[in-house]
Amino acid sequence: MATLTVWKFDDAFGAERAVEKLQQLQKQGLIQVHDAAMVSWPEGKKKPQTRHLEDLTGAGALGGAFWGLLFGLIFFVPFIGLAVGAATGAIAGSLSNVGIDKDFIESVRTRVTPGTSALFVLTSDAVLDRVRNAFEGEKPELLQTNLSEAEEASLREAFAEA
């Protein structure tokens, strides 16, 4: 089973540091990274910077379309307005069928704010205590959505890049 995990850091560069640790953990066989993306929101900026971490995962299991949609729902829809917001409501509803619900989106939206960063990772086979220990000094806030195999397959199918 895959897990979509969001690690929030209290500074705009914490997620970048976490990517290096995640690469080391993957090389040690302590976690399998299927796809990842990062958000950095420097103080004083109106919106966050987002990046799909293809260098960590190769082509990526979900692809840029998934991350773009997810980040759009979390960070950009509140700024776009009600007209577009209504259309994205239907999209958000379909994501709930694959383990990403309104509560998850709202939780991330309220926690990832200016001056913070976050690492979004789709993983499996994590040795949790070893992974947790690797991030101990960073003190990230962990939000987690567990996806069943069927939900993961649905995500891959819905957002696979052609």
N, C-alpha and C. Protein backbone atom coordinates (compact mmCIF):
# COMPACT_ATOMS: atom_id res chain seq x y z
N MET A 1 0.83 -1.17 0.00
CA MET A 1 0.00 0.00 0.00
C MET A 1 0.89 1.25 0.00
N ALA A 2 0.50 2.24 -0.78
CA ALA A 2 1.24 3.50 -0.84
C ALA A 2 0.65 4.49 0.16
N THR A 3 1.49 5.41 0.57
CA THR A 3 1.08 6.45 1.49
C THR A 3 1.44 7.80 0.90
N LEU A 4 0.47 8.69 0.84
CA LEU A 4 0.75 10.06 0.45
C LEU A 4 1.01 10.82 1.75
N THR A 5 2.21 11.32 1.89
CA THR A 5 2.63 11.97 3.12
C THR A 5 3.00 13.42 2.83
N VAL A 6 2.63 14.30 3.72
CA VAL A 6 3.03 15.70 3.64
C VAL A 6 3.81 16.03 4.90
N TRP A 7 5.05 16.46 4.71
CA TRP A 7 5.89 16.87 5.81
C TRP A 7 6.04 18.39 5.73
N LYS A 8 5.55 19.10 6.72
CA LYS A 8 5.61 20.55 6.76
C LYS A 8 6.78 20.98 7.64
N PHE A 9 7.54 21.96 7.14
CA PHE A 9 8.70 22.47 7.86
C PHE A 9 8.48 23.93 8.20
N ASP A 10 9.03 24.37 9.30
CA ASP A 10 8.80 25.73 9.80
C ASP A 10 9.67 26.79 9.15
N ASP A 11 10.36 26.45 8.08
CA ASP A 11 11.09 27.47 7.32
C ASP A 11 10.97 27.15 5.83
N ALA A 12 11.28 28.12 5.01
CA ALA A 12 11.08 27.98 3.57
C ALA A 12 12.05 27.01 2.91
N PHE A 13 13.08 26.56 3.63
CA PHE A 13 14.09 25.68 3.03
C PHE A 13 14.13 24.29 3.65
N GLY A 14 13.28 24.01 4.62
CA GLY A 14 13.26 22.71 5.28
C GLY A 14 12.96 21.57 4.33
N ALA A 15 12.03 21.77 3.41
CA ALA A 15 11.67 20.71 2.46
C ALA A 15 12.85 20.36 1.56
N GLU A 16 13.61 21.37 1.16
CA GLU A 16 14.79 21.14 0.32
C GLU A 16 15.80 20.27 1.05
N ARG A 17 16.02 20.55 2.33
CA ARG A 17 16.94 19.73 3.13
C ARG A 17 16.40 18.30 3.27
N ALA A 18 15.09 18.18 3.40
CA ALA A 18 14.47 16.87 3.56
C ALA A 18 14.64 16.00 2.32
N VAL A 19 14.66 16.61 1.15
CA VAL A 19 14.83 15.85 -0.09
C VAL A 19 16.14 15.08 -0.05
N GLU A 20 17.20 15.73 0.42
CA GLU A 20 18.50 15.06 0.51
C GLU A 20 18.43 13.86 1.45
N LYS A 21 17.79 14.04 2.59
CA LYS A 21 17.64 12.92 3.54
C LYS A 21 16.82 11.80 2.94
N LEU A 22 15.77 12.16 2.24
CA LEU A 22 14.91 11.16 1.62
C LEU A 22 15.67 10.35 0.57
N GLN A 23 16.53 11.02 -0.19
CA GLN A 23 17.36 10.32 -1.17
C GLN A 23 18.27 9.30 -0.48
N GLN A 24 18.86 9.69 0.64
CA GLN A 24 19.73 8.78 1.39
C GLN A 24 18.95 7.58 1.93
N LEU A 25 17.77 7.84 2.48
CA LEU A 25 16.93 6.76 3.00
C LEU A 25 16.54 5.78 1.91
N GLN A 26 16.25 6.32 0.73
CA GLN A 26 15.88 5.46 -0.39
C GLN A 26 17.06 4.59 -0.82
N LYS A 27 18.25 5.16 -0.87
CA LYS A 27 19.45 4.40 -1.23
C LYS A 27 19.72 3.29 -0.24
N GLN A 28 19.37 3.51 1.03
CA GLN A 28 19.57 2.51 2.08
C GLN A 28 18.46 1.47 2.11
N GLY A 29 17.45 1.63 1.25
CA GLY A 29 16.34 0.68 1.21
C GLY A 29 15.36 0.84 2.36
N LEU A 30 15.35 2.02 2.99
CA LEU A 30 14.47 2.24 4.13
C LEU A 30 13.12 2.85 3.74
N ILE A 31 13.00 3.22 2.47
CA ILE A 31 11.74 3.76 1.96
C ILE A 31 11.76 3.66 0.44
N GLN A 32 10.61 3.44 -0.15
CA GLN A 32 10.47 3.42 -1.61
C GLN A 32 9.70 4.67 -2.01
N VAL A 33 10.34 5.57 -2.74
CA VAL A 33 9.69 6.80 -3.19
C VAL A 33 9.15 6.58 -4.59
N HIS A 34 7.83 6.73 -4.74
CA HIS A 34 7.19 6.57 -6.04
C HIS A 34 7.05 7.90 -6.76
N ASP A 35 6.81 8.95 -6.00
CA ASP A 35 6.69 10.29 -6.59
C ASP A 35 6.81 11.31 -5.47
N ALA A 36 7.21 12.53 -5.83
CA ALA A 36 7.39 13.56 -4.82
C ALA A 36 7.30 14.94 -5.45
N ALA A 37 6.92 15.89 -4.63
CA ALA A 37 6.88 17.30 -5.03
C ALA A 37 7.14 18.14 -3.79
N MET A 38 7.53 19.38 -4.03
CA MET A 38 7.92 20.24 -2.93
C MET A 38 7.26 21.61 -3.09
N VAL A 39 6.95 22.21 -1.95
CA VAL A 39 6.42 23.56 -1.91
C VAL A 39 7.32 24.37 -1.00
N SER A 40 7.71 25.54 -1.46
CA SER A 40 8.48 26.48 -0.64
C SER A 40 7.76 27.82 -0.70
N TRP A 41 7.50 28.39 0.48
CA TRP A 41 6.76 29.64 0.52
C TRP A 41 7.56 30.66 1.33
N PRO A 42 8.48 31.37 0.67
CA PRO A 42 9.28 32.37 1.38
C PRO A 42 8.40 33.49 1.97
N GLU A 43 8.83 34.04 3.10
CA GLU A 43 8.14 35.17 3.72
C GLU A 43 8.01 36.30 2.70
N GLY A 44 6.88 36.98 2.75
CA GLY A 44 6.67 38.13 1.89
C GLY A 44 6.15 37.81 0.51
N LYS A 45 6.10 36.54 0.12
CA LYS A 45 5.59 36.15 -1.19
C LYS A 45 4.09 35.88 -1.08
N LYS A 46 3.35 36.22 -2.15
CA LYS A 46 1.90 36.02 -2.14
C LYS A 46 1.49 34.58 -2.36
N LYS A 47 2.33 33.84 -3.05
CA LYS A 47 2.01 32.43 -3.30
C LYS A 47 3.28 31.59 -3.22
N PRO A 48 3.10 30.30 -2.99
CA PRO A 48 4.28 29.43 -2.86
C PRO A 48 4.88 29.05 -4.21
N GLN A 49 6.13 28.61 -4.16
CA GLN A 49 6.79 28.03 -5.33
C GLN A 49 6.63 26.53 -5.22
N THR A 50 6.27 25.87 -6.32
CA THR A 50 6.08 24.42 -6.31
C THR A 50 7.04 23.78 -7.31
N ARG A 51 7.40 22.53 -7.01
CA ARG A 51 8.32 21.82 -7.92
C ARG A 51 8.08 20.32 -7.83
N HIS A 52 7.89 19.68 -8.98
CA HIS A 52 7.79 18.22 -9.06
C HIS A 52 9.21 17.68 -8.99
N LEU A 53 9.46 16.72 -8.13
CA LEU A 53 10.82 16.22 -7.89
C LEU A 53 11.12 15.00 -8.75
N GLU A 54 11.15 15.21 -10.04
CA GLU A 54 11.44 14.11 -10.96
C GLU A 54 12.84 13.55 -10.74
N ASP A 55 13.77 14.39 -10.28
CA ASP A 55 15.14 13.92 -10.05
C ASP A 55 15.21 12.90 -8.92
N LEU A 56 14.20 12.89 -8.05
CA LEU A 56 14.15 11.94 -6.94
C LEU A 56 13.51 10.62 -7.36
N THR A 57 12.60 10.68 -8.33
CA THR A 57 11.79 9.51 -8.65
C THR A 57 11.81 9.11 -10.12
N GLY A 58 12.61 9.75 -10.93
CA GLY A 58 12.57 9.46 -12.36
C GLY A 58 11.36 10.13 -12.97
N ALA A 59 10.61 9.41 -13.78
CA ALA A 59 9.45 9.99 -14.47
C ALA A 59 8.32 10.33 -13.51
N GLY A 60 8.26 9.66 -12.39
CA GLY A 60 7.20 9.93 -11.42
C GLY A 60 6.00 9.05 -11.66
N ALA A 61 5.46 8.52 -10.59
CA ALA A 61 4.32 7.62 -10.68
C ALA A 61 3.04 8.37 -11.04
N LEU A 62 2.87 9.55 -10.48
CA LEU A 62 1.65 10.31 -10.71
C LEU A 62 1.85 11.37 -11.78
N GLY A 63 2.98 11.99 -11.80
CA GLY A 63 3.28 12.98 -12.82
C GLY A 63 2.92 14.39 -12.42
N GLY A 64 3.39 15.31 -13.23
CA GLY A 64 3.19 16.73 -12.98
C GLY A 64 1.74 17.15 -12.98
N ALA A 65 0.89 16.49 -13.77
CA ALA A 65 -0.53 16.86 -13.83
C ALA A 65 -1.19 16.67 -12.46
N PHE A 66 -0.89 15.58 -11.80
CA PHE A 66 -1.45 15.34 -10.46
C PHE A 66 -1.01 16.41 -9.49
N TRP A 67 0.31 16.66 -9.44
CA TRP A 67 0.82 17.63 -8.48
C TRP A 67 0.29 19.02 -8.78
N GLY A 68 0.20 19.37 -10.05
CA GLY A 68 -0.36 20.67 -10.43
C GLY A 68 -1.80 20.83 -9.96
N LEU A 69 -2.59 19.79 -10.15
CA LEU A 69 -3.98 19.83 -9.70
C LEU A 69 -4.06 19.93 -8.19
N LEU A 70 -3.31 19.09 -7.49
CA LEU A 70 -3.34 19.09 -6.03
C LEU A 70 -2.90 20.44 -5.48
N PHE A 71 -1.80 20.97 -5.99
CA PHE A 71 -1.32 22.26 -5.49
C PHE A 71 -2.28 23.39 -5.86
N GLY A 72 -2.90 23.27 -7.02
CA GLY A 72 -3.90 24.26 -7.40
C GLY A 72 -5.06 24.28 -6.42
N LEU A 73 -5.55 23.10 -6.06
CA LEU A 73 -6.66 23.01 -5.11
C LEU A 73 -6.26 23.53 -3.73
N ILE A 74 -5.05 23.23 -3.32
CA ILE A 74 -4.62 23.63 -1.98
C ILE A 74 -4.28 25.11 -1.90
N PHE A 75 -3.46 25.59 -2.84
CA PHE A 75 -2.88 26.91 -2.69
C PHE A 75 -3.45 28.01 -3.58
N PHE A 76 -3.95 27.66 -4.77
CA PHE A 76 -4.28 28.71 -5.72
C PHE A 76 -5.77 28.97 -5.88
N VAL A 77 -6.62 27.98 -5.65
CA VAL A 77 -8.06 28.17 -5.78
C VAL A 77 -8.58 29.28 -4.87
N PRO A 78 -8.11 29.39 -3.63
CA PRO A 78 -8.62 30.48 -2.79
C PRO A 78 -8.38 31.86 -3.39
N PHE A 79 -7.37 32.01 -4.24
CA PHE A 79 -7.05 33.30 -4.83
C PHE A 79 -7.76 33.52 -6.17
N ILE A 80 -8.22 32.46 -6.79
CA ILE A 80 -8.81 32.56 -8.13
C ILE A 80 -10.24 33.09 -8.08
N GLY A 81 -11.00 32.66 -7.11
CA GLY A 81 -12.36 33.16 -6.99
C GLY A 81 -13.40 32.08 -7.09
N LEU A 82 -14.64 32.47 -6.88
CA LEU A 82 -15.74 31.52 -6.79
C LEU A 82 -16.06 30.84 -8.11
N ALA A 83 -15.95 31.52 -9.24
CA ALA A 83 -16.33 30.91 -10.51
C ALA A 83 -15.50 29.67 -10.79
N VAL A 84 -14.21 29.79 -10.66
CA VAL A 84 -13.33 28.64 -10.88
C VAL A 84 -13.43 27.69 -9.70
N GLY A 85 -13.64 28.25 -8.51
CA GLY A 85 -13.75 27.43 -7.31
C GLY A 85 -14.87 26.42 -7.40
N ALA A 86 -15.99 26.79 -8.01
CA ALA A 86 -17.11 25.85 -8.15
C ALA A 86 -16.72 24.68 -9.04
N ALA A 87 -16.01 24.96 -10.12
CA ALA A 87 -15.58 23.89 -11.02
C ALA A 87 -14.59 22.97 -10.34
N THR A 88 -13.71 23.54 -9.53
CA THR A 88 -12.72 22.70 -8.87
C THR A 88 -13.34 21.89 -7.74
N GLY A 89 -14.51 22.29 -7.27
CA GLY A 89 -15.19 21.51 -6.25
C GLY A 89 -15.47 20.10 -6.72
N ALA A 90 -15.87 19.96 -7.97
CA ALA A 90 -16.13 18.63 -8.54
C ALA A 90 -14.85 17.82 -8.63
N ILE A 91 -13.77 18.48 -9.00
CA ILE A 91 -12.48 17.79 -9.09
C ILE A 91 -12.05 17.34 -7.70
N ALA A 92 -12.18 18.22 -6.73
CA ALA A 92 -11.81 17.87 -5.36
C ALA A 92 -12.64 16.69 -4.88
N GLY A 93 -13.91 16.65 -5.25
CA GLY A 93 -14.77 15.53 -4.87
C GLY A 93 -14.27 14.23 -5.45
N SER A 94 -13.77 14.25 -6.68
CA SER A 94 -13.27 13.02 -7.28
C SER A 94 -11.98 12.56 -6.61
N LEU A 95 -11.18 13.50 -6.10
CA LEU A 95 -9.96 13.13 -5.39
C LEU A 95 -10.28 12.43 -4.08
N SER A 96 -11.42 12.75 -3.48
CA SER A 96 -11.78 12.09 -2.22
C SER A 96 -11.99 10.61 -2.44
N ASN A 97 -12.34 10.23 -3.65
CA ASN A 97 -12.51 8.81 -3.97
C ASN A 97 -11.20 8.06 -3.95
N VAL A 98 -10.08 8.79 -4.01
CA VAL A 98 -8.77 8.15 -3.99
C VAL A 98 -7.96 8.55 -2.76
N GLY A 99 -8.65 8.94 -1.70
CA GLY A 99 -7.98 9.16 -0.43
C GLY A 99 -7.55 10.57 -0.11
N ILE A 100 -7.84 11.52 -1.00
CA ILE A 100 -7.48 12.91 -0.74
C ILE A 100 -8.80 13.68 -0.62
N ASP A 101 -9.17 13.98 0.62
CA ASP A 101 -10.48 14.59 0.83
C ASP A 101 -10.36 16.06 1.21
N LYS A 102 -11.50 16.70 1.38
CA LYS A 102 -11.55 18.12 1.71
C LYS A 102 -10.80 18.43 3.00
N ASP A 103 -10.91 17.56 3.99
CA ASP A 103 -10.21 17.78 5.26
C ASP A 103 -8.69 17.79 5.06
N PHE A 104 -8.20 16.87 4.22
CA PHE A 104 -6.77 16.83 3.91
C PHE A 104 -6.34 18.14 3.25
N ILE A 105 -7.10 18.57 2.25
CA ILE A 105 -6.77 19.81 1.52
C ILE A 105 -6.79 21.00 2.46
N GLU A 106 -7.82 21.11 3.28
CA GLU A 106 -7.93 22.23 4.23
C GLU A 106 -6.81 22.19 5.26
N SER A 107 -6.48 21.01 5.74
CA SER A 107 -5.42 20.86 6.74
C SER A 107 -4.09 21.36 6.19
N VAL A 108 -3.77 20.95 4.97
CA VAL A 108 -2.51 21.39 4.36
C VAL A 108 -2.56 22.89 4.10
N ARG A 109 -3.67 23.38 3.59
CA ARG A 109 -3.81 24.81 3.28
C ARG A 109 -3.58 25.68 4.52
N THR A 110 -4.09 25.26 5.67
CA THR A 110 -3.96 26.09 6.86
C THR A 110 -2.58 25.97 7.51
N ARG A 111 -1.85 24.91 7.22
CA ARG A 111 -0.54 24.71 7.86
C ARG A 111 0.64 25.18 7.01
N VAL A 112 0.53 25.07 5.70
CA VAL A 112 1.62 25.49 4.82
C VAL A 112 1.33 26.94 4.42
N THR A 113 2.04 27.85 5.06
CA THR A 113 1.80 29.28 4.95
C THR A 113 3.11 30.00 4.66
N PRO A 114 3.07 31.31 4.41
CA PRO A 114 4.33 32.03 4.17
C PRO A 114 5.35 31.77 5.28
N GLY A 115 6.60 31.54 4.86
CA GLY A 115 7.67 31.25 5.80
C GLY A 115 7.86 29.77 6.09
N THR A 116 7.07 28.91 5.43
CA THR A 116 7.18 27.47 5.64
C THR A 116 7.45 26.77 4.31
N SER A 117 7.65 25.47 4.38
CA SER A 117 7.80 24.64 3.19
C SER A 117 7.20 23.27 3.49
N ALA A 118 6.98 22.49 2.44
CA ALA A 118 6.42 21.17 2.62
C ALA A 118 6.92 20.22 1.55
N LEU A 119 7.06 18.98 1.94
CA LEU A 119 7.46 17.91 1.04
C LEU A 119 6.29 16.94 0.93
N PHE A 120 5.81 16.71 -0.28
CA PHE A 120 4.70 15.81 -0.56
C PHE A 120 5.31 14.57 -1.21
N VAL A 121 5.08 13.40 -0.60
CA VAL A 121 5.74 12.19 -1.09
C VAL A 121 4.77 11.02 -1.13
N LEU A 122 4.76 10.29 -2.24
CA LEU A 122 4.02 9.04 -2.36
C LEU A 122 5.03 7.93 -2.16
N THR A 123 4.90 7.19 -1.05
CA THR A 123 5.90 6.18 -0.69
C THR A 123 5.26 4.86 -0.32
N SER A 124 6.10 3.86 -0.21
CA SER A 124 5.70 2.58 0.35
C SER A 124 6.92 1.94 0.99
N ASP A 125 6.68 0.87 1.71
CA ASP A 125 7.74 0.08 2.32
C ASP A 125 8.68 0.88 3.21
N ALA A 126 8.13 1.84 3.94
CA ALA A 126 8.97 2.66 4.83
C ALA A 126 9.23 1.92 6.14
N VAL A 127 10.45 2.00 6.59
CA VAL A 127 10.82 1.54 7.92
C VAL A 127 10.62 2.77 8.81
N LEU A 128 9.39 2.87 9.36
CA LEU A 128 8.94 4.12 9.97
C LEU A 128 9.85 4.67 11.06
N ASP A 129 10.32 3.83 11.96
CA ASP A 129 11.16 4.36 13.04
C ASP A 129 12.46 4.93 12.51
N ARG A 130 13.05 4.30 11.50
CA ARG A 130 14.31 4.80 10.92
C ARG A 130 14.07 6.10 10.13
N VAL A 131 12.96 6.15 9.41
CA VAL A 131 12.63 7.37 8.67
C VAL A 131 12.36 8.51 9.64
N ARG A 132 11.58 8.24 10.66
CA ARG A 132 11.26 9.25 11.67
C ARG A 132 12.54 9.77 12.33
N ASN A 133 13.46 8.86 12.67
CA ASN A 133 14.73 9.25 13.30
C ASN A 133 15.57 10.15 12.38
N ALA A 134 15.53 9.89 11.09
CA ALA A 134 16.32 10.68 10.14
C ALA A 134 15.87 12.14 10.10
N PHE A 135 14.61 12.38 10.42
CA PHE A 135 14.06 13.74 10.37
C PHE A 135 13.93 14.37 11.76
N GLU A 136 14.47 13.72 12.75
CA GLU A 136 14.29 14.16 14.14
C GLU A 136 14.76 15.60 14.37
N GLY A 137 15.89 15.99 13.85
CA GLY A 137 16.40 17.34 14.05
C GLY A 137 15.60 18.41 13.34
N GLU A 138 14.91 18.04 12.29
CA GLU A 138 14.12 19.00 11.52
C GLU A 138 12.80 19.35 12.19
N LYS A 139 12.28 18.43 12.97
CA LYS A 139 10.99 18.59 13.64
C LYS A 139 9.86 18.96 12.68
N PRO A 140 9.69 18.19 11.61
CA PRO A 140 8.58 18.50 10.70
C PRO A 140 7.25 18.11 11.32
N GLU A 141 6.21 18.77 10.86
CA GLU A 141 4.85 18.38 11.24
C GLU A 141 4.38 17.40 10.18
N LEU A 142 3.92 16.26 10.59
CA LEU A 142 3.56 15.20 9.66
C LEU A 142 2.05 15.09 9.50
N LEU A 143 1.59 15.20 8.25
CA LEU A 143 0.20 14.94 7.89
C LEU A 143 0.25 13.74 6.96
N GLN A 144 -0.68 12.82 7.09
CA GLN A 144 -0.56 11.58 6.32
C GLN A 144 -1.92 11.10 5.86
N THR A 145 -2.00 10.67 4.61
CA THR A 145 -3.19 10.03 4.09
C THR A 145 -2.78 8.65 3.58
N ASN A 146 -3.36 7.62 4.11
CA ASN A 146 -3.06 6.27 3.62
C ASN A 146 -3.93 5.96 2.43
N LEU A 147 -3.31 5.48 1.39
CA LEU A 147 -4.03 5.10 0.18
C LEU A 147 -4.01 3.58 0.04
N SER A 148 -5.15 3.01 -0.23
CA SER A 148 -5.19 1.57 -0.49
C SER A 148 -4.57 1.32 -1.87
N GLU A 149 -4.32 0.07 -2.20
CA GLU A 149 -3.78 -0.26 -3.52
C GLU A 149 -4.73 0.18 -4.62
N ALA A 150 -6.03 0.01 -4.40
CA ALA A 150 -7.03 0.43 -5.40
C ALA A 150 -7.02 1.95 -5.57
N GLU A 151 -6.90 2.68 -4.44
CA GLU A 151 -6.86 4.14 -4.51
C GLU A 151 -5.60 4.61 -5.24
N GLU A 152 -4.47 3.96 -4.95
CA GLU A 152 -3.23 4.32 -5.64
C GLU A 152 -3.36 4.07 -7.13
N ALA A 153 -3.92 2.93 -7.50
CA ALA A 153 -4.13 2.61 -8.91
C ALA A 153 -5.03 3.64 -9.58
N SER A 154 -6.08 4.08 -8.87
CA SER A 154 -6.97 5.09 -9.40
C SER A 154 -6.23 6.40 -9.64
N LEU A 155 -5.39 6.78 -8.70
CA LEU A 155 -4.60 8.01 -8.88
C LEU A 155 -3.69 7.91 -10.08
N ARG A 156 -2.99 6.78 -10.17
CA ARG A 156 -2.06 6.59 -11.30
C ARG A 156 -2.82 6.66 -12.63
N GLU A 157 -3.98 6.02 -12.68
CA GLU A 157 -4.77 6.00 -13.92
C GLU A 157 -5.31 7.38 -14.25
N ALA A 158 -5.83 8.08 -13.23
CA ALA A 158 -6.45 9.38 -13.47
C ALA A 158 -5.45 10.45 -13.88
N PHE A 159 -4.22 10.35 -13.37
CA PHE A 159 -3.27 11.42 -13.60
C PHE A 159 -2.03 11.01 -14.39
N ALA A 160 -2.07 9.82 -14.99
CA ALA A 160 -0.92 9.38 -15.79
C ALA A 160 -0.75 10.33 -16.97
N GLU A 161 0.48 10.74 -17.18
CA GLU A 161 0.75 11.64 -18.30
C GLU A 161 0.91 10.81 -19.56
N ALA A 162 0.30 11.27 -20.62
CA ALA A 162 0.32 10.55 -21.89
C ALA A 162 1.64 10.74 -22.60
